Amino acid sequence: MSAINADRLYQLIGQRIRERRESSDSFISQAQLADSLGLERTSITNIERGAQRAPLNVLYEICAKLELEITELLPQLAEVEKSAWSGEDVVVGKKSLKVSPKTAQFIEALKKRA
């Protein structure tokens, strides 16, 4: 049994929240969603980036507001197993981040332009 990459888990959950929130048929701003949940807008931003790990009850509340099932947020096990995540370290400013190979290429290309 392989271990779970918790960072990747929360990145994928956040990505799915953002995609649903921004979908054309149910668009709601981060501020509107945060206000409806009694949270700060920055909390929604951080949840969507995977930087803030929302408790399960908050995830359910987000699902209720966005009219989706909790299972629609949850990635498949294979997507979050440590062995399946081959992230690369990229230095941005003074921080080292683990990102996907595609994102690493994009960041390096941007650095070359600067």
Protein backbone atom coordinates (compact mmCIF):
# COMPACT_ATOMS: atom_id res chain seq x y z
CA MET A 1 0.00 0.00 0.00
CA SER A 2 1.46 3.34 -0.97
CA ALA A 3 1.13 6.53 1.03
CA ILE A 4 -1.10 9.42 0.08
CA ASN A 5 0.34 12.71 -1.09
CA ALA A 6 -1.83 15.03 1.03
CA ASP A 7 -0.59 18.15 -0.78
CA ARG A 8 -1.69 16.71 -4.11
CA LEU A 9 -5.03 15.62 -2.60
CA TYR A 10 -5.88 19.14 -1.46
CA GLN A 11 -4.61 20.69 -4.71
CA LEU A 12 -6.99 18.51 -6.70
CA ILE A 13 -9.92 19.21 -4.38
CA GLY A 14 -9.24 22.93 -4.61
CA GLN A 15 -8.95 22.78 -8.38
CA ARG A 16 -12.32 21.05 -8.61
CA ILE A 17 -13.93 23.62 -6.32
CA ARG A 18 -12.57 26.47 -8.45
CA GLU A 19 -13.66 24.83 -11.71
CA ARG A 20 -17.21 24.35 -10.42
CA ARG A 21 -17.37 27.83 -8.87
CA GLU A 22 -16.24 29.42 -12.14
CA SER A 23 -18.39 27.29 -14.42
CA SER A 24 -20.61 29.40 -16.63
CA ASP A 25 -23.88 27.86 -15.42
CA SER A 26 -23.15 28.36 -11.71
CA PHE A 27 -20.59 31.18 -11.49
CA ILE A 28 -20.09 32.58 -8.02
CA SER A 29 -17.19 34.78 -6.97
CA GLN A 30 -14.77 33.78 -4.23
CA ALA A 31 -16.12 36.65 -2.12
CA GLN A 32 -19.72 35.52 -2.59
CA LEU A 33 -18.90 31.92 -1.71
CA ALA A 34 -16.87 32.96 1.32
CA ASP A 35 -19.63 35.29 2.54
CA SER A 36 -22.27 32.57 2.21
CA LEU A 37 -20.09 30.25 4.34
CA GLY A 38 -19.00 32.81 6.92
CA LEU A 39 -15.38 32.63 5.73
CA GLU A 40 -12.89 35.18 4.45
CA ARG A 41 -12.32 35.41 0.70
CA THR A 42 -8.66 34.55 1.30
CA SER A 43 -9.76 31.25 2.82
CA ILE A 44 -11.51 30.32 -0.42
CA THR A 45 -8.43 31.40 -2.39
CA ASN A 46 -6.21 29.23 -0.20
CA ILE A 47 -8.57 26.25 -0.33
CA GLU A 48 -8.67 26.46 -4.12
CA ARG A 49 -4.87 26.54 -4.29
CA GLY A 50 -4.60 23.59 -1.89
CA ALA A 51 -2.73 25.76 0.61
CA GLN A 52 -5.48 25.54 3.23
CA ARG A 53 -6.90 22.16 4.18
CA ALA A 54 -10.59 22.65 4.66
CA PRO A 55 -12.27 20.49 7.29
CA LEU A 56 -14.75 17.94 6.00
CA ASN A 57 -17.77 19.91 7.22
CA VAL A 58 -16.57 22.98 5.26
CA LEU A 59 -16.12 20.86 2.14
CA TYR A 60 -19.71 19.64 2.53
CA GLU A 61 -20.92 23.23 2.95
CA ILE A 62 -19.02 24.27 -0.20
CA CYS A 63 -20.61 21.37 -2.07
CA ALA A 64 -24.07 22.44 -0.91
CA LYS A 65 -23.48 26.01 -2.13
CA LEU A 66 -22.07 24.84 -5.46
CA GLU A 67 -24.74 22.14 -5.87
CA LEU A 68 -22.40 19.19 -6.26
CA GLU A 69 -21.84 15.93 -4.47
CA ILE A 70 -18.80 15.53 -2.22
CA THR A 71 -17.71 12.60 -4.40
CA GLU A 72 -17.29 15.01 -7.31
CA LEU A 73 -14.51 16.75 -5.35
CA LEU A 74 -12.63 13.63 -4.36
CA PRO A 75 -9.86 12.40 -6.68
CA GLN A 76 -9.23 8.77 -7.46
CA LEU A 77 -6.69 7.03 -5.21
CA ALA A 78 -4.24 6.67 -8.10
CA GLU A 79 -4.20 10.46 -8.51
CA VAL A 80 -2.92 11.06 -4.99
CA GLU A 81 -0.63 8.12 -4.30
CA LYS A 82 2.90 9.31 -3.65
CA SER A 83 4.23 6.94 -6.27
CA ALA A 84 1.94 8.52 -8.88
CA TRP A 85 3.06 12.09 -8.19
CA SER A 86 6.31 12.92 -9.89
CA GLY A 87 6.50 16.56 -8.98
CA GLU A 88 9.52 18.72 -9.61
CA ASP A 89 11.09 21.30 -7.31
CA VAL A 90 11.04 24.85 -8.66
CA VAL A 91 12.40 27.91 -6.88
CA VAL A 92 10.11 30.94 -7.06
CA GLY A 93 11.48 33.92 -5.19
CA LYS A 94 12.83 32.42 -1.99
CA LYS A 95 10.41 29.47 -1.92
CA SER A 96 10.93 26.01 -3.28
CA LEU A 97 7.71 24.53 -4.61
CA LYS A 98 6.82 21.04 -5.78
CA VAL A 99 4.89 21.32 -9.03
CA SER A 100 3.96 19.14 -11.95
CA PRO A 101 6.54 18.75 -14.71
CA LYS A 102 4.34 20.80 -17.07
CA THR A 103 4.06 23.63 -14.54
CA ALA A 104 7.81 23.49 -13.91
CA GLN A 105 8.44 24.00 -17.63
CA PHE A 106 6.03 26.92 -17.70
CA ILE A 107 7.66 28.60 -14.68
CA GLU A 108 11.13 28.16 -16.13
CA ALA A 109 9.97 29.69 -19.43
CA LEU A 110 8.56 32.69 -17.56
CA LYS A 111 11.82 33.13 -15.65
CA LYS A 112 13.74 33.25 -18.93
CA ARG A 113 11.47 36.04 -20.21
CA ALA A 114 12.04 38.22 -17.14
